[in-house]
Amino acid sequence: PTVLKSLTFNGHSVDIIRKSGHDTLWVEINGRTAAAIH
C-alpha cells in the first residue's frame, strides 16, 4: 500500500491509498479503512 494523499477533514485524518490495481483507491479515516473509490 502507498499513501497518495493525506488530508484533514474537521479534525479527522483522511488518507487516500493505492493498495493494488489501477482503478480502485482506498480511503482510511483515522487509520481505519472506510471506503473504496472506483
Full PDB file with SEQRES, HELIX, SHEET, SSBOND, CRYST1, ORIGX, SCALE, CONECT and MASTER records, all heavy atoms in Angstrom:
SEQRES   1 A   38  PRO THR VAL LEU LYS SER LEU THR PHE ASN GLY HIS SER          
SEQRES   2 A   38  VAL ASP ILE ILE ARG LYS SER GLY HIS ASP THR LEU TRP          
SEQRES   3 A   38  VAL GLU ILE ASN GLY ARG THR ALA ALA ALA ILE HIS              
SHEET    1 AA1 4 THR A   2  PHE A   9  0                                        
SHEET    2 AA1 4 HIS A  12  ARG A  18 -1                                        
SHEET    3 AA1 4 LEU A  25  ILE A  29 -1                                        
SHEET    4 AA1 4 ARG A  32  ILE A  37 -1                                        
CRYST1    1.000    1.000    1.000  90.00  90.00  90.00 P 1           1          
ORIGX1      1.000000  0.000000  0.000000        0.00000                         
ORIGX2      0.000000  1.000000  0.000000        0.00000                         
ORIGX3      0.000000  0.000000  1.000000        0.00000                         
SCALE1      1.000000  0.000000  0.000000        0.00000                         
SCALE2      0.000000  1.000000  0.000000        0.00000                         
SCALE3      0.000000  0.000000  1.000000        0.00000                         
ATOM      1  N   PRO A   1       0.822  -1.212   0.000  1.00  0.00           N  
ATOM      2  CA  PRO A   1       0.000   0.000   0.000  1.00  0.00           C  
ATOM      3  C   PRO A   1       0.861   1.270   0.000  1.00  0.00           C  
ATOM      4  O   PRO A   1       1.913   1.327   0.643  1.00  0.00           O  
ATOM      5  CB  PRO A   1      -0.807  -0.107   1.289  1.00  0.00           C  
ATOM      6  CG  PRO A   1      -0.784  -1.559   1.635  1.00  0.00           C  
ATOM      7  CD  PRO A   1       0.529  -2.080   1.127  1.00  0.00           C  
ATOM      8  N   THR A   2       0.384   2.271  -0.725  1.00  0.00           N  
ATOM      9  CA  THR A   2       1.076   3.554  -0.811  1.00  0.00           C  
ATOM     10  C   THR A   2       0.093   4.666  -0.510  1.00  0.00           C  
ATOM     11  O   THR A   2      -0.960   4.750  -1.153  1.00  0.00           O  
ATOM     12  CB  THR A   2       1.643   3.765  -2.236  1.00  0.00           C  
ATOM     13  OG1 THR A   2       2.501   2.676  -2.553  1.00  0.00           O  
ATOM     14  CG2 THR A   2       2.393   5.068  -2.343  1.00  0.00           C  
ATOM     15  N   VAL A   3       0.427   5.513   0.464  1.00  0.00           N  
ATOM     16  CA  VAL A   3      -0.403   6.678   0.745  1.00  0.00           C  
ATOM     17  C   VAL A   3      -0.135   7.703  -0.347  1.00  0.00           C  
ATOM     18  O   VAL A   3       0.999   8.150  -0.528  1.00  0.00           O  
ATOM     19  CB  VAL A   3      -0.111   7.276   2.137  1.00  0.00           C  
ATOM     20  CG1 VAL A   3      -0.916   8.553   2.350  1.00  0.00           C  
ATOM     21  CG2 VAL A   3      -0.423   6.266   3.231  1.00  0.00           C  
ATOM     22  N   LEU A   4      -1.184   8.058  -1.088  1.00  0.00           N  
ATOM     23  CA  LEU A   4      -1.050   9.003  -2.182  1.00  0.00           C  
ATOM     24  C   LEU A   4      -1.315  10.437  -1.737  1.00  0.00           C  
ATOM     25  O   LEU A   4      -0.768  11.374  -2.303  1.00  0.00           O  
ATOM     26  CB  LEU A   4      -2.016   8.641  -3.311  1.00  0.00           C  
ATOM     27  CG  LEU A   4      -1.849   7.238  -3.897  1.00  0.00           C  
ATOM     28  CD1 LEU A   4      -2.944   6.968  -4.914  1.00  0.00           C  
ATOM     29  CD2 LEU A   4      -0.469   7.076  -4.517  1.00  0.00           C  
ATOM     30  N   LYS A   5      -2.169  10.590  -0.729  1.00  0.00           N  
ATOM     31  CA  LYS A   5      -2.507  11.930  -0.251  1.00  0.00           C  
ATOM     32  C   LYS A   5      -3.030  11.813   1.170  1.00  0.00           C  
ATOM     33  O   LYS A   5      -3.812  10.917   1.483  1.00  0.00           O  
ATOM     34  CB  LYS A   5      -3.563  12.562  -1.157  1.00  0.00           C  
ATOM     35  CG  LYS A   5      -3.771  14.048  -0.943  1.00  0.00           C  
ATOM     36  CD  LYS A   5      -4.583  14.645  -2.097  1.00  0.00           C  
ATOM     37  CE  LYS A   5      -4.567  16.160  -1.996  1.00  0.00           C  
ATOM     38  NZ  LYS A   5      -5.233  16.780  -3.128  1.00  0.00           N  
ATOM     39  N   SER A   6      -2.592  12.725   2.030  1.00  0.00           N  
ATOM     40  CA  SER A   6      -3.069  12.796   3.411  1.00  0.00           C  
ATOM     41  C   SER A   6      -3.754  14.130   3.611  1.00  0.00           C  
ATOM     42  O   SER A   6      -3.209  15.178   3.245  1.00  0.00           O  
ATOM     43  CB  SER A   6      -1.904  12.655   4.395  1.00  0.00           C  
ATOM     44  OG  SER A   6      -1.361  11.366   4.325  1.00  0.00           O  
ATOM     45  N   LEU A   7      -4.945  14.085   4.209  1.00  0.00           N  
ATOM     46  CA  LEU A   7      -5.772  15.273   4.383  1.00  0.00           C  
ATOM     47  C   LEU A   7      -6.347  15.300   5.794  1.00  0.00           C  
ATOM     48  O   LEU A   7      -6.254  14.322   6.534  1.00  0.00           O  
ATOM     49  CB  LEU A   7      -6.929  15.243   3.383  1.00  0.00           C  
ATOM     50  CG  LEU A   7      -6.551  15.026   1.927  1.00  0.00           C  
ATOM     51  CD1 LEU A   7      -7.633  14.270   1.204  1.00  0.00           C  
ATOM     52  CD2 LEU A   7      -6.297  16.352   1.275  1.00  0.00           C  
ATOM     53  N   THR A   8      -6.970  16.412   6.140  1.00  0.00           N  
ATOM     54  CA  THR A   8      -7.703  16.528   7.394  1.00  0.00           C  
ATOM     55  C   THR A   8      -9.069  17.112   7.091  1.00  0.00           C  
ATOM     56  O   THR A   8      -9.175  18.091   6.360  1.00  0.00           O  
ATOM     57  CB  THR A   8      -6.949  17.454   8.386  1.00  0.00           C  
ATOM     58  OG1 THR A   8      -5.660  16.894   8.629  1.00  0.00           O  
ATOM     59  CG2 THR A   8      -7.693  17.573   9.703  1.00  0.00           C  
ATOM     60  N   PHE A   9     -10.111  16.490   7.640  1.00  0.00           N  
ATOM     61  CA  PHE A   9     -11.480  16.969   7.469  1.00  0.00           C  
ATOM     62  C   PHE A   9     -12.088  17.085   8.853  1.00  0.00           C  
ATOM     63  O   PHE A   9     -12.310  16.074   9.532  1.00  0.00           O  
ATOM     64  CB  PHE A   9     -12.289  16.008   6.607  1.00  0.00           C  
ATOM     65  CG  PHE A   9     -13.661  16.521   6.247  1.00  0.00           C  
ATOM     66  CD1 PHE A   9     -13.865  17.136   5.030  1.00  0.00           C  
ATOM     67  CD2 PHE A   9     -14.729  16.396   7.115  1.00  0.00           C  
ATOM     68  CE1 PHE A   9     -15.124  17.608   4.668  1.00  0.00           C  
ATOM     69  CE2 PHE A   9     -15.986  16.852   6.777  1.00  0.00           C  
ATOM     70  CZ  PHE A   9     -16.183  17.468   5.553  1.00  0.00           C  
ATOM     71  N   ASN A  10     -12.339  18.311   9.287  1.00  0.00           N  
ATOM     72  CA  ASN A  10     -12.941  18.567  10.600  1.00  0.00           C  
ATOM     73  C   ASN A  10     -12.290  17.744  11.714  1.00  0.00           C  
ATOM     74  O   ASN A  10     -12.959  17.126  12.527  1.00  0.00           O  
ATOM     75  CB  ASN A  10     -14.448  18.310  10.569  1.00  0.00           C  
ATOM     76  CG  ASN A  10     -15.178  19.336   9.731  1.00  0.00           C  
ATOM     77  OD1 ASN A  10     -14.655  20.405   9.438  1.00  0.00           O  
ATOM     78  ND2 ASN A  10     -16.386  19.019   9.330  1.00  0.00           N  
ATOM     79  N   GLY A  11     -10.969  17.721  11.730  1.00  0.00           N  
ATOM     80  CA  GLY A  11     -10.222  17.045  12.777  1.00  0.00           C  
ATOM     81  C   GLY A  11      -9.982  15.561  12.545  1.00  0.00           C  
ATOM     82  O   GLY A  11      -9.321  14.913  13.349  1.00  0.00           O  
ATOM     83  N   HIS A  12     -10.499  14.996  11.469  1.00  0.00           N  
ATOM     84  CA  HIS A  12     -10.298  13.582  11.156  1.00  0.00           C  
ATOM     85  C   HIS A  12      -9.207  13.445  10.101  1.00  0.00           C  
ATOM     86  O   HIS A  12      -9.225  14.152   9.099  1.00  0.00           O  
ATOM     87  CB  HIS A  12     -11.588  12.955  10.619  1.00  0.00           C  
ATOM     88  CG  HIS A  12     -12.712  12.980  11.598  1.00  0.00           C  
ATOM     89  ND1 HIS A  12     -12.823  12.072  12.617  1.00  0.00           N  
ATOM     90  CD2 HIS A  12     -13.757  13.820  11.714  1.00  0.00           C  
ATOM     91  CE1 HIS A  12     -13.903  12.343  13.319  1.00  0.00           C  
ATOM     92  NE2 HIS A  12     -14.499  13.406  12.791  1.00  0.00           N  
ATOM     93  N   SER A  13      -8.274  12.523  10.333  1.00  0.00           N  
ATOM     94  CA  SER A  13      -7.251  12.280   9.314  1.00  0.00           C  
ATOM     95  C   SER A  13      -7.853  11.402   8.223  1.00  0.00           C  
ATOM     96  O   SER A  13      -8.585  10.446   8.501  1.00  0.00           O  
ATOM     97  CB  SER A  13      -6.014  11.617   9.917  1.00  0.00           C  
ATOM     98  OG  SER A  13      -6.305  10.305  10.329  1.00  0.00           O  
ATOM     99  N   VAL A  14      -7.575  11.768   6.990  1.00  0.00           N  
ATOM    100  CA  VAL A  14      -8.092  11.055   5.822  1.00  0.00           C  
ATOM    101  C   VAL A  14      -6.907  10.761   4.909  1.00  0.00           C  
ATOM    102  O   VAL A  14      -6.216  11.673   4.470  1.00  0.00           O  
ATOM    103  CB  VAL A  14      -9.149  11.907   5.065  1.00  0.00           C  
ATOM    104  CG1 VAL A  14      -9.624  11.173   3.819  1.00  0.00           C  
ATOM    105  CG2 VAL A  14     -10.311  12.272   5.981  1.00  0.00           C  
ATOM    106  N   ASP A  15      -6.666   9.484   4.655  1.00  0.00           N  
ATOM    107  CA  ASP A  15      -5.599   9.070   3.748  1.00  0.00           C  
ATOM    108  C   ASP A  15      -6.200   8.405   2.522  1.00  0.00           C  
ATOM    109  O   ASP A  15      -7.112   7.575   2.639  1.00  0.00           O  
ATOM    110  CB  ASP A  15      -4.642   8.086   4.419  1.00  0.00           C  
ATOM    111  CG  ASP A  15      -3.846   8.715   5.545  1.00  0.00           C  
ATOM    112  OD1 ASP A  15      -3.428   9.877   5.389  1.00  0.00           O  
ATOM    113  OD2 ASP A  15      -3.647   8.046   6.570  1.00  0.00           O  
ATOM    114  N   ILE A  16      -5.696   8.776   1.360  1.00  0.00           N  
ATOM    115  CA  ILE A  16      -6.088   8.146   0.102  1.00  0.00           C  
ATOM    116  C   ILE A  16      -4.939   7.219  -0.278  1.00  0.00           C  
ATOM    117  O   ILE A  16      -3.788   7.656  -0.389  1.00  0.00           O  
ATOM    118  CB  ILE A  16      -6.364   9.198  -0.987  1.00  0.00           C  
ATOM    119  CG1 ILE A  16      -7.521  10.100  -0.535  1.00  0.00           C  
ATOM    120  CG2 ILE A  16      -6.669   8.516  -2.319  1.00  0.00           C  
ATOM    121  CD1 ILE A  16      -7.749  11.308  -1.395  1.00  0.00           C  
ATOM    122  N   ILE A  17      -5.267   5.946  -0.454  1.00  0.00           N  
ATOM    123  CA  ILE A  17      -4.245   4.903  -0.560  1.00  0.00           C  
ATOM    124  C   ILE A  17      -4.464   4.071  -1.818  1.00  0.00           C  
ATOM    125  O   ILE A  17      -5.594   3.775  -2.192  1.00  0.00           O  
ATOM    126  CB  ILE A  17      -4.322   3.984   0.686  1.00  0.00           C  
ATOM    127  CG1 ILE A  17      -4.040   4.815   1.940  1.00  0.00           C  
ATOM    128  CG2 ILE A  17      -3.383   2.799   0.571  1.00  0.00           C  
ATOM    129  CD1 ILE A  17      -4.339   4.102   3.223  1.00  0.00           C  
ATOM    130  N   ARG A  18      -3.352   3.695  -2.432  1.00  0.00           N  
ATOM    131  CA  ARG A  18      -3.388   2.709  -3.523  1.00  0.00           C  
ATOM    132  C   ARG A  18      -2.819   1.425  -2.948  1.00  0.00           C  
ATOM    133  O   ARG A  18      -1.691   1.394  -2.476  1.00  0.00           O  
ATOM    134  CB  ARG A  18      -2.568   3.155  -4.715  1.00  0.00           C  
ATOM    135  CG  ARG A  18      -2.473   2.049  -5.760  1.00  0.00           C  
ATOM    136  CD  ARG A  18      -1.661   2.441  -6.937  1.00  0.00           C  
ATOM    137  NE  ARG A  18      -2.615   2.749  -8.011  1.00  0.00           N  
ATOM    138  CZ  ARG A  18      -2.292   3.312  -9.135  1.00  0.00           C  
ATOM    139  NH1 ARG A  18      -1.054   3.681  -9.347  1.00  0.00           N  
ATOM    140  NH2 ARG A  18      -3.188   3.531 -10.058  1.00  0.00           N  
ATOM    141  N   LYS A  19      -3.644   0.366  -2.963  1.00  0.00           N  
ATOM    142  CA  LYS A  19      -3.194  -0.930  -2.460  1.00  0.00           C  
ATOM    143  C   LYS A  19      -2.745  -1.824  -3.604  1.00  0.00           C  
ATOM    144  O   LYS A  19      -1.725  -2.494  -3.515  1.00  0.00           O  
ATOM    145  CB  LYS A  19      -4.295  -1.616  -1.658  1.00  0.00           C  
ATOM    146  CG  LYS A  19      -4.602  -0.912  -0.360  1.00  0.00           C  
ATOM    147  CD  LYS A  19      -5.640  -1.659   0.449  1.00  0.00           C  
ATOM    148  CE  LYS A  19      -5.919  -0.919   1.745  1.00  0.00           C  
ATOM    149  NZ  LYS A  19      -6.912  -1.635   2.569  1.00  0.00           N  
ATOM    150  N   SER A  20      -3.533  -1.880  -4.645  1.00  0.00           N  
ATOM    151  CA  SER A  20      -3.200  -2.656  -5.832  1.00  0.00           C  
ATOM    152  C   SER A  20      -4.166  -2.243  -6.919  1.00  0.00           C  
ATOM    153  O   SER A  20      -5.138  -1.535  -6.677  1.00  0.00           O  
ATOM    154  CB  SER A  20      -3.318  -4.163  -5.563  1.00  0.00           C  
ATOM    155  OG  SER A  20      -4.648  -4.496  -5.274  1.00  0.00           O  
ATOM    156  N   GLY A  21      -3.909  -2.688  -8.099  1.00  0.00           N  
ATOM    157  CA  GLY A  21      -4.807  -2.362  -9.200  1.00  0.00           C  
ATOM    158  C   GLY A  21      -4.636  -0.929  -9.664  1.00  0.00           C  
ATOM    159  O   GLY A  21      -3.886  -0.149  -9.104  1.00  0.00           O  
ATOM    160  N   HIS A  22      -5.386  -0.591 -10.694  1.00  0.00           N  
ATOM    161  CA  HIS A  22      -5.240   0.715 -11.320  1.00  0.00           C  
ATOM    162  C   HIS A  22      -6.406   1.643 -11.024  1.00  0.00           C  
ATOM    163  O   HIS A  22      -6.216   2.838 -10.848  1.00  0.00           O  
ATOM    164  CB  HIS A  22      -5.098   0.525 -12.835  1.00  0.00           C  
ATOM    165  CG  HIS A  22      -5.068   1.798 -13.605  1.00  0.00           C  
ATOM    166  ND1 HIS A  22      -3.987   2.642 -13.592  1.00  0.00           N  
ATOM    167  CD2 HIS A  22      -6.000   2.387 -14.374  1.00  0.00           C  
ATOM    168  CE1 HIS A  22      -4.261   3.698 -14.340  1.00  0.00           C  
ATOM    169  NE2 HIS A  22      -5.473   3.567 -14.836  1.00  0.00           N  
ATOM    170  N   ASP A  23      -7.595   1.084 -10.939  1.00  0.00           N  
ATOM    171  CA  ASP A  23      -8.781   1.934 -10.923  1.00  0.00           C  
ATOM    172  C   ASP A  23      -9.455   2.071  -9.562  1.00  0.00           C  
ATOM    173  O   ASP A  23     -10.453   2.753  -9.440  1.00  0.00           O  
ATOM    174  CB  ASP A  23      -9.795   1.396 -11.931  1.00  0.00           C  
ATOM    175  CG  ASP A  23     -10.347   2.504 -12.792  1.00  0.00           C  
ATOM    176  OD1 ASP A  23      -9.668   3.525 -12.953  1.00  0.00           O  
ATOM    177  OD2 ASP A  23     -11.472   2.341 -13.294  1.00  0.00           O  
ATOM    178  N   THR A  24      -8.930   1.391  -8.538  1.00  0.00           N  
ATOM    179  CA  THR A  24      -9.531   1.467  -7.209  1.00  0.00           C  
ATOM    180  C   THR A  24      -8.538   2.060  -6.223  1.00  0.00           C  
ATOM    181  O   THR A  24      -7.388   1.621  -6.145  1.00  0.00           O  
ATOM    182  CB  THR A  24      -9.976   0.070  -6.713  1.00  0.00           C  
ATOM    183  OG1 THR A  24     -10.904  -0.472  -7.646  1.00  0.00           O  
ATOM    184  CG2 THR A  24     -10.625   0.150  -5.351  1.00  0.00           C  
ATOM    185  N   LEU A  25      -8.986   3.065  -5.492  1.00  0.00           N  
ATOM    186  CA  LEU A  25      -8.207   3.639  -4.399  1.00  0.00           C  
ATOM    187  C   LEU A  25      -8.977   3.374  -3.113  1.00  0.00           C  
ATOM    188  O   LEU A  25     -10.189   3.127  -3.139  1.00  0.00           O  
ATOM    189  CB  LEU A  25      -8.011   5.143  -4.603  1.00  0.00           C  
ATOM    190  CG  LEU A  25      -7.284   5.555  -5.880  1.00  0.00           C  
ATOM    191  CD1 LEU A  25      -7.218   7.083  -5.980  1.00  0.00           C  
ATOM    192  CD2 LEU A  25      -5.890   4.965  -5.927  1.00  0.00           C  
ATOM    193  N   TRP A  26      -8.291   3.441  -2.006  1.00  0.00           N  
ATOM    194  CA  TRP A  26      -8.902   3.171  -0.705  1.00  0.00           C  
ATOM    195  C   TRP A  26      -8.808   4.409   0.167  1.00  0.00           C  
ATOM    196  O   TRP A  26      -7.859   5.181   0.061  1.00  0.00           O  
ATOM    197  CB  TRP A  26      -8.206   1.988  -0.039  1.00  0.00           C  
ATOM    198  CG  TRP A  26      -8.344   0.755  -0.873  1.00  0.00           C  
ATOM    199  CD1 TRP A  26      -7.495   0.331  -1.850  1.00  0.00           C  
ATOM    200  CD2 TRP A  26      -9.423  -0.168  -0.851  1.00  0.00           C  
ATOM    201  NE1 TRP A  26      -7.980  -0.806  -2.440  1.00  0.00           N  
ATOM    202  CE2 TRP A  26      -9.159  -1.144  -1.842  1.00  0.00           C  
ATOM    203  CE3 TRP A  26     -10.585  -0.274  -0.090  1.00  0.00           C  
ATOM    204  CZ2 TRP A  26     -10.020  -2.206  -2.080  1.00  0.00           C  
ATOM    205  CZ3 TRP A  26     -11.434  -1.339  -0.324  1.00  0.00           C  
ATOM    206  CH2 TRP A  26     -11.154  -2.294  -1.315  1.00  0.00           C  
ATOM    207  N   VAL A  27      -9.782   4.576   1.040  1.00  0.00           N  
ATOM    208  CA  VAL A  27      -9.813   5.709   1.950  1.00  0.00           C  
ATOM    209  C   VAL A  27      -9.718   5.183   3.378  1.00  0.00           C  
ATOM    210  O   VAL A  27     -10.483   4.286   3.763  1.00  0.00           O  
ATOM    211  CB  VAL A  27     -11.119   6.516   1.792  1.00  0.00           C  
ATOM    212  CG1 VAL A  27     -11.178   7.649   2.805  1.00  0.00           C  
ATOM    213  CG2 VAL A  27     -11.245   7.057   0.384  1.00  0.00           C  
ATOM    214  N   GLU A  28      -8.769   5.719   4.125  1.00  0.00           N  
ATOM    215  CA  GLU A  28      -8.695   5.436   5.552  1.00  0.00           C  
ATOM    216  C   GLU A  28      -9.041   6.709   6.298  1.00  0.00           C  
ATOM    217  O   GLU A  28      -8.539   7.789   5.966  1.00  0.00           O  
ATOM    218  CB  GLU A  28      -7.301   4.969   5.957  1.00  0.00           C  
ATOM    219  CG  GLU A  28      -6.998   3.563   5.505  1.00  0.00           C  
ATOM    220  CD  GLU A  28      -5.701   3.019   6.076  1.00  0.00           C  
ATOM    221  OE1 GLU A  28      -4.999   3.741   6.823  1.00  0.00           O  
ATOM    222  OE2 GLU A  28      -5.377   1.859   5.761  1.00  0.00           O  
ATOM    223  N   ILE A  29      -9.925   6.578   7.272  1.00  0.00           N  
ATOM    224  CA  ILE A  29     -10.278   7.700   8.138  1.00  0.00           C  
ATOM    225  C   ILE A  29      -9.823   7.321   9.538  1.00  0.00           C  
ATOM    226  O   ILE A  29     -10.212   6.269  10.060  1.00  0.00           O  
ATOM    227  CB  ILE A  29     -11.794   7.993   8.104  1.00  0.00           C  
ATOM    228  CG1 ILE A  29     -12.212   8.376   6.678  1.00  0.00           C  
ATOM    229  CG2 ILE A  29     -12.148   9.105   9.089  1.00  0.00           C  
ATOM    230  CD1 ILE A  29     -13.700   8.586   6.491  1.00  0.00           C  
ATOM    231  N   ASN A  30      -8.958   8.155  10.101  1.00  0.00           N  
ATOM    232  CA  ASN A  30      -8.393   7.896  11.424  1.00  0.00           C  
ATOM    233  C   ASN A  30      -7.766   6.503  11.508  1.00  0.00           C  
ATOM    234  O   ASN A  30      -7.897   5.799  12.505  1.00  0.00           O  
ATOM    235  CB  ASN A  30      -9.438   8.091  12.520  1.00  0.00           C  
ATOM    236  CG  ASN A  30      -9.951   9.510  12.559  1.00  0.00           C  
ATOM    237  OD1 ASN A  30      -9.244  10.453  12.234  1.00  0.00           O  
ATOM    238  ND2 ASN A  30     -11.206   9.672  12.929  1.00  0.00           N  
ATOM    239  N   GLY A  31      -7.103   6.092  10.412  1.00  0.00           N  
ATOM    240  CA  GLY A  31      -6.362   4.839  10.398  1.00  0.00           C  
ATOM    241  C   GLY A  31      -7.180   3.590  10.123  1.00  0.00           C  
ATOM    242  O   GLY A  31      -6.638   2.490  10.137  1.00  0.00           O  
ATOM    243  N   ARG A  32      -8.473   3.720   9.855  1.00  0.00           N  
ATOM    244  CA  ARG A  32      -9.330   2.566   9.579  1.00  0.00           C  
ATOM    245  C   ARG A  32      -9.873   2.642   8.155  1.00  0.00           C  
ATOM    246  O   ARG A  32     -10.323   3.692   7.721  1.00  0.00           O  
ATOM    247  CB  ARG A  32     -10.476   2.510  10.579  1.00  0.00           C  
ATOM    248  CG  ARG A  32      -9.988   2.269  12.007  1.00  0.00           C  
ATOM    249  CD  ARG A  32     -11.095   2.177  13.025  1.00  0.00           C  
ATOM    250  NE  ARG A  32     -12.116   1.214  12.623  1.00  0.00           N  
ATOM    251  CZ  ARG A  32     -13.416   1.408  12.834  1.00  0.00           C  
ATOM    252  NH1 ARG A  32     -13.848   2.511  13.419  1.00  0.00           N  
ATOM    253  NH2 ARG A  32     -14.291   0.497  12.467  1.00  0.00           N  
ATOM    254  N   THR A  33      -9.845   1.525   7.431  1.00  0.00           N  
ATOM    255  CA  THR A  33     -10.353   1.502   6.062  1.00  0.00           C  
ATOM    256  C   THR A  33     -11.841   1.807   6.081  1.00  0.00           C  
ATOM    257  O   THR A  33     -12.621   1.102   6.719  1.00  0.00           O  
ATOM    258  CB  THR A  33     -10.097   0.145   5.396  1.00  0.00           C  
ATOM    259  OG1 THR A  33      -8.688  -0.113   5.417  1.00  0.00           O  
ATOM    260  CG2 THR A  33     -10.594   0.138   3.954  1.00  0.00           C  
ATOM    261  N   ALA A  34     -12.215   2.887   5.400  1.00  0.00           N  
ATOM    262  CA  ALA A  34     -13.594   3.377   5.444  1.00  0.00           C  
ATOM    263  C   ALA A  34     -14.338   3.222   4.126  1.00  0.00           C  
ATOM    264  O   ALA A  34     -15.554   3.101   4.122  1.00  0.00           O  
ATOM    265  CB  ALA A  34     -13.607   4.851   5.850  1.00  0.00           C  
ATOM    266  N   ALA A  35     -13.605   3.246   2.997  1.00  0.00           N  
ATOM    267  CA  ALA A  35     -14.301   3.225   1.714  1.00  0.00           C  
ATOM    268  C   ALA A  35     -13.350   2.841   0.588  1.00  0.00           C  
ATOM    269  O   ALA A  35     -12.132   2.954   0.717  1.00  0.00           O  
ATOM    270  CB  ALA A  35     -14.911   4.598   1.414  1.00  0.00           C  
ATOM    271  N   ALA A  36     -13.962   2.411  -0.502  1.00  0.00           N  
ATOM    272  CA  ALA A  36     -13.247   2.192  -1.755  1.00  0.00           C  
ATOM    273  C   ALA A  36     -13.707   3.262  -2.733  1.00  0.00           C  
ATOM    274  O   ALA A  36     -14.883   3.625  -2.759  1.00  0.00           O  
ATOM    275  CB  ALA A  36     -13.550   0.805  -2.311  1.00  0.00           C  
ATOM    276  N   ILE A  37     -12.781   3.772  -3.511  1.00  0.00           N  
ATOM    277  CA  ILE A  37     -13.082   4.739  -4.563  1.00  0.00           C  
ATOM    278  C   ILE A  37     -12.914   4.020  -5.895  1.00  0.00           C  
ATOM    279  O   ILE A  37     -11.840   3.493  -6.188  1.00  0.00           O  
ATOM    280  CB  ILE A  37     -12.123   5.954  -4.533  1.00  0.00           C  
ATOM    281  CG1 ILE A  37     -12.140   6.648  -3.188  1.00  0.00           C  
ATOM    282  CG2 ILE A  37     -12.417   6.899  -5.689  1.00  0.00           C  
ATOM    283  CD1 ILE A  37     -13.367   7.457  -2.902  1.00  0.00           C  
ATOM    284  N   HIS A  38     -13.977   3.972  -6.675  1.00  0.00           N  
ATOM    285  CA  HIS A  38     -13.920   3.381  -8.009  1.00  0.00           C  
ATOM    286  C   HIS A  38     -13.768   4.544  -8.993  1.00  0.00           C  
ATOM    287  O   HIS A  38     -14.740   5.237  -9.301  1.00  0.00           O  
ATOM    288  CB  HIS A  38     -15.175   2.552  -8.272  1.00  0.00           C  
ATOM    289  CG  HIS A  38     -15.371   1.486  -7.240  1.00  0.00           C  
ATOM    290  ND1 HIS A  38     -14.594   0.351  -7.195  1.00  0.00           N  
ATOM    291  CD2 HIS A  38     -16.213   1.406  -6.184  1.00  0.00           C  
ATOM    292  CE1 HIS A  38     -14.956  -0.395  -6.176  1.00  0.00           C  
ATOM    293  NE2 HIS A  38     -15.944   0.224  -5.537  1.00  0.00           N  
TER     294      HIS A  38                                                      
MASTER        0    0    0    0    4    0    0    6  293    1    0    3          
END                                                                             
